[in-house]
Amino acid sequence: MSSQPTSAGTRVFERFMASGAGRATRALFGVTVVAAGLAVVPRPAGLVVAAFGLVPIAAGLFNLCPIAPFWGGHFFGLRYCQPRNGTNSD
């Protein structure tokens, strides 16, 4: 039994999230969460929301996916973007 995701759609999503556009999307989402936490959500809950927003920012900057191991994916986004040489080493 393989530990790889079985759905082709899942692989497409994973590759997008590991791409530059996906990384930027995660970072932008994090900035939005931080801004909402500081500007919209009343304190002290707003500070907690803002702190949580740092996770997707870091994930985008460092190309990490903290939740991917839950569905059998890789924690490091680089694993999805490596050039293929015709063999499947995963």
N, C-alpha and C. Protein backbone atom coordinates (compact mmCIF):
# COMPACT_ATOMS: atom_id res chain seq x y z
N MET A 1 0.83 -1.17 0.00
CA MET A 1 0.00 0.00 0.00
C MET A 1 0.88 1.24 0.00
N SER A 2 0.62 2.19 -0.88
CA SER A 2 1.44 3.39 -1.01
C SER A 2 1.02 4.46 -0.03
N SER A 3 1.99 5.25 0.44
CA SER A 3 1.67 6.35 1.32
C SER A 3 1.41 7.63 0.54
N GLN A 4 1.45 7.55 -0.78
CA GLN A 4 1.21 8.71 -1.61
C GLN A 4 -0.28 8.95 -1.77
N PRO A 5 -0.69 10.23 -1.93
CA PRO A 5 -2.09 10.52 -2.20
C PRO A 5 -2.53 9.82 -3.49
N THR A 6 -3.74 9.32 -3.50
CA THR A 6 -4.21 8.57 -4.65
C THR A 6 -4.93 9.42 -5.67
N SER A 7 -5.43 10.56 -5.29
CA SER A 7 -6.19 11.40 -6.20
C SER A 7 -5.27 12.29 -7.01
N ALA A 8 -5.49 12.32 -8.34
CA ALA A 8 -4.69 13.19 -9.20
C ALA A 8 -4.95 14.64 -8.85
N GLY A 9 -6.18 14.97 -8.47
CA GLY A 9 -6.51 16.33 -8.07
C GLY A 9 -5.73 16.76 -6.84
N THR A 10 -5.51 15.84 -5.92
CA THR A 10 -4.74 16.14 -4.73
C THR A 10 -3.31 16.46 -5.11
N ARG A 11 -2.73 15.71 -6.02
CA ARG A 11 -1.35 15.96 -6.45
C ARG A 11 -1.24 17.34 -7.11
N VAL A 12 -2.22 17.71 -7.91
CA VAL A 12 -2.21 19.01 -8.57
C VAL A 12 -2.25 20.11 -7.51
N PHE A 13 -3.11 19.96 -6.52
CA PHE A 13 -3.22 20.93 -5.44
C PHE A 13 -1.90 21.03 -4.67
N GLU A 14 -1.30 19.90 -4.36
CA GLU A 14 -0.04 19.90 -3.62
C GLU A 14 1.06 20.59 -4.42
N ARG A 15 1.13 20.31 -5.70
CA ARG A 15 2.16 20.95 -6.53
C ARG A 15 1.92 22.45 -6.62
N PHE A 16 0.65 22.87 -6.71
CA PHE A 16 0.36 24.31 -6.73
C PHE A 16 0.79 24.96 -5.42
N MET A 17 0.45 24.35 -4.30
CA MET A 17 0.78 24.94 -3.01
C MET A 17 2.29 25.00 -2.80
N ALA A 18 3.06 24.13 -3.42
CA ALA A 18 4.51 24.15 -3.31
C ALA A 18 5.15 25.10 -4.32
N SER A 19 4.36 25.57 -5.29
CA SER A 19 4.89 26.49 -6.31
C SER A 19 5.00 27.90 -5.72
N GLY A 20 5.61 28.79 -6.47
CA GLY A 20 5.74 30.18 -6.02
C GLY A 20 4.40 30.83 -5.79
N ALA A 21 3.42 30.56 -6.67
CA ALA A 21 2.09 31.15 -6.50
C ALA A 21 1.40 30.60 -5.25
N GLY A 22 1.56 29.32 -4.98
CA GLY A 22 0.96 28.73 -3.79
C GLY A 22 1.61 29.26 -2.52
N ARG A 23 2.92 29.42 -2.57
CA ARG A 23 3.63 29.97 -1.41
C ARG A 23 3.18 31.41 -1.15
N ALA A 24 3.03 32.19 -2.21
CA ALA A 24 2.55 33.57 -2.07
C ALA A 24 1.12 33.60 -1.54
N THR A 25 0.30 32.65 -1.99
CA THR A 25 -1.08 32.57 -1.51
C THR A 25 -1.11 32.30 -0.01
N ARG A 26 -0.27 31.35 0.45
CA ARG A 26 -0.21 31.06 1.90
C ARG A 26 0.25 32.27 2.69
N ALA A 27 1.28 32.95 2.20
CA ALA A 27 1.79 34.12 2.91
C ALA A 27 0.76 35.24 2.94
N LEU A 28 0.07 35.47 1.81
CA LEU A 28 -0.97 36.50 1.76
C LEU A 28 -2.12 36.17 2.69
N PHE A 29 -2.50 34.90 2.74
CA PHE A 29 -3.54 34.47 3.67
C PHE A 29 -3.11 34.76 5.11
N GLY A 30 -1.87 34.46 5.43
CA GLY A 30 -1.36 34.72 6.78
C GLY A 30 -1.38 36.20 7.12
N VAL A 31 -0.97 37.04 6.17
CA VAL A 31 -1.00 38.49 6.40
C VAL A 31 -2.43 38.95 6.64
N THR A 32 -3.38 38.40 5.89
CA THR A 32 -4.79 38.74 6.07
C THR A 32 -5.29 38.33 7.45
N VAL A 33 -4.91 37.14 7.90
CA VAL A 33 -5.32 36.68 9.23
C VAL A 33 -4.72 37.55 10.32
N VAL A 34 -3.45 37.93 10.18
CA VAL A 34 -2.81 38.80 11.16
C VAL A 34 -3.52 40.16 11.20
N ALA A 35 -3.78 40.73 10.04
CA ALA A 35 -4.46 42.03 9.97
C ALA A 35 -5.86 41.96 10.59
N ALA A 36 -6.59 40.89 10.28
CA ALA A 36 -7.93 40.73 10.86
C ALA A 36 -7.85 40.57 12.37
N GLY A 37 -6.89 39.82 12.83
CA GLY A 37 -6.73 39.63 14.27
C GLY A 37 -6.43 40.92 14.99
N LEU A 38 -5.63 41.77 14.38
CA LEU A 38 -5.26 43.03 15.02
C LEU A 38 -6.31 44.12 14.86
N ALA A 39 -7.02 44.12 13.73
CA ALA A 39 -7.94 45.21 13.43
C ALA A 39 -9.42 44.91 13.69
N VAL A 40 -9.81 43.64 13.60
CA VAL A 40 -11.23 43.32 13.65
C VAL A 40 -11.62 42.57 14.92
N VAL A 41 -10.87 41.57 15.28
CA VAL A 41 -11.23 40.71 16.42
C VAL A 41 -10.81 41.43 17.71
N PRO A 42 -11.74 41.53 18.67
CA PRO A 42 -11.41 42.20 19.93
C PRO A 42 -10.30 41.48 20.70
N ARG A 43 -9.53 42.25 21.42
CA ARG A 43 -8.45 41.67 22.24
C ARG A 43 -9.03 40.99 23.44
N PRO A 44 -8.47 39.97 24.00
CA PRO A 44 -7.20 39.34 23.68
C PRO A 44 -7.31 38.28 22.59
N ALA A 45 -8.52 37.92 22.18
CA ALA A 45 -8.68 36.89 21.14
C ALA A 45 -8.03 37.32 19.83
N GLY A 46 -8.04 38.61 19.53
CA GLY A 46 -7.43 39.12 18.31
C GLY A 46 -5.94 38.86 18.26
N LEU A 47 -5.30 38.93 19.41
CA LEU A 47 -3.86 38.64 19.46
C LEU A 47 -3.58 37.17 19.18
N VAL A 48 -4.47 36.31 19.65
CA VAL A 48 -4.33 34.88 19.38
C VAL A 48 -4.52 34.61 17.89
N VAL A 49 -5.53 35.24 17.29
CA VAL A 49 -5.77 35.08 15.85
C VAL A 49 -4.56 35.60 15.06
N ALA A 50 -4.04 36.76 15.46
CA ALA A 50 -2.87 37.33 14.77
C ALA A 50 -1.67 36.40 14.89
N ALA A 51 -1.46 35.82 16.05
CA ALA A 51 -0.34 34.90 16.24
C ALA A 51 -0.52 33.67 15.36
N PHE A 52 -1.75 33.17 15.26
CA PHE A 52 -2.02 32.02 14.38
C PHE A 52 -1.71 32.36 12.92
N GLY A 53 -1.90 33.61 12.52
CA GLY A 53 -1.60 34.03 11.15
C GLY A 53 -0.13 33.94 10.79
N LEU A 54 0.73 33.87 11.80
CA LEU A 54 2.16 33.72 11.53
C LEU A 54 2.50 32.34 10.96
N VAL A 55 1.66 31.35 11.24
CA VAL A 55 1.92 29.98 10.75
C VAL A 55 1.88 29.93 9.22
N PRO A 56 0.81 30.40 8.55
CA PRO A 56 0.84 30.33 7.08
C PRO A 56 1.88 31.26 6.46
N ILE A 57 2.22 32.36 7.14
CA ILE A 57 3.29 33.22 6.62
C ILE A 57 4.60 32.44 6.61
N ALA A 58 4.93 31.81 7.72
CA ALA A 58 6.16 31.02 7.81
C ALA A 58 6.12 29.85 6.82
N ALA A 59 4.96 29.21 6.69
CA ALA A 59 4.84 28.08 5.76
C ALA A 59 5.11 28.53 4.33
N GLY A 60 4.60 29.70 3.96
CA GLY A 60 4.84 30.21 2.62
C GLY A 60 6.29 30.62 2.41
N LEU A 61 6.87 31.27 3.40
CA LEU A 61 8.25 31.74 3.27
C LEU A 61 9.25 30.59 3.19
N PHE A 62 9.02 29.56 4.00
CA PHE A 62 9.96 28.44 4.07
C PHE A 62 9.53 27.22 3.27
N ASN A 63 8.42 27.34 2.51
CA ASN A 63 7.90 26.25 1.67
C ASN A 63 7.64 24.98 2.48
N LEU A 64 6.88 25.15 3.56
CA LEU A 64 6.51 24.04 4.42
C LEU A 64 4.99 23.86 4.39
N CYS A 65 4.55 22.65 4.67
CA CYS A 65 3.11 22.39 4.79
C CYS A 65 2.88 21.57 6.05
N PRO A 66 2.59 22.25 7.16
CA PRO A 66 2.46 21.55 8.44
C PRO A 66 1.32 20.53 8.49
N ILE A 67 0.31 20.67 7.62
CA ILE A 67 -0.82 19.74 7.70
C ILE A 67 -0.76 18.61 6.68
N ALA A 68 0.16 18.67 5.72
CA ALA A 68 0.24 17.63 4.68
C ALA A 68 0.49 16.23 5.22
N PRO A 69 1.28 16.04 6.28
CA PRO A 69 1.49 14.68 6.78
C PRO A 69 0.19 14.00 7.26
N PHE A 70 -0.83 14.79 7.56
CA PHE A 70 -2.10 14.19 8.00
C PHE A 70 -2.78 13.40 6.88
N TRP A 71 -2.54 13.75 5.61
CA TRP A 71 -3.12 12.99 4.50
C TRP A 71 -2.06 12.24 3.70
N GLY A 72 -0.87 12.10 4.29
CA GLY A 72 0.18 11.31 3.65
C GLY A 72 1.09 12.12 2.76
N GLY A 73 0.98 13.44 2.82
CA GLY A 73 1.84 14.29 2.01
C GLY A 73 3.16 14.57 2.71
N HIS A 74 3.96 15.40 2.06
CA HIS A 74 5.28 15.74 2.58
C HIS A 74 5.23 17.06 3.32
N PHE A 75 5.95 17.16 4.42
CA PHE A 75 6.04 18.39 5.19
C PHE A 75 6.80 19.45 4.40
N PHE A 76 7.80 19.05 3.62
CA PHE A 76 8.62 19.98 2.86
C PHE A 76 8.08 20.11 1.45
N GLY A 77 7.71 21.33 1.05
CA GLY A 77 7.16 21.58 -0.27
C GLY A 77 8.13 21.28 -1.39
N LEU A 78 9.41 21.34 -1.12
CA LEU A 78 10.41 21.06 -2.14
C LEU A 78 10.25 19.66 -2.72
N ARG A 79 9.72 18.73 -1.94
CA ARG A 79 9.53 17.36 -2.43
C ARG A 79 8.58 17.30 -3.62
N TYR A 80 7.67 18.28 -3.74
CA TYR A 80 6.72 18.29 -4.85
C TYR A 80 7.27 19.01 -6.07
N CYS A 81 8.31 19.81 -5.91
CA CYS A 81 8.82 20.63 -7.00
C CYS A 81 10.13 20.13 -7.58
N GLN A 82 10.62 19.02 -7.11
CA GLN A 82 11.88 18.50 -7.64
C GLN A 82 11.69 18.09 -9.10
N PRO A 83 12.69 18.38 -9.92
CA PRO A 83 12.58 17.95 -11.32
C PRO A 83 12.53 16.44 -11.42
N ARG A 84 11.70 15.95 -12.29
CA ARG A 84 11.55 14.51 -12.49
C ARG A 84 12.54 14.04 -13.54
N ASN A 85 13.17 12.90 -13.30
CA ASN A 85 14.12 12.36 -14.28
C ASN A 85 13.58 11.07 -14.90
N GLY A 86 12.27 10.92 -14.85
CA GLY A 86 11.66 9.75 -15.47
C GLY A 86 11.44 8.61 -14.49
N THR A 87 11.98 8.73 -13.28
CA THR A 87 11.76 7.69 -12.27
C THR A 87 10.97 8.27 -11.13
N ASN A 88 10.27 7.44 -10.43
CA ASN A 88 9.49 7.86 -9.29
C ASN A 88 10.19 7.40 -8.03
N SER A 89 10.93 8.34 -7.38
CA SER A 89 11.71 7.98 -6.21
C SER A 89 10.94 8.16 -4.92
N ASP A 90 9.70 8.61 -4.98
CA ASP A 90 8.90 8.85 -3.76
C ASP A 90 8.33 7.57 -3.20
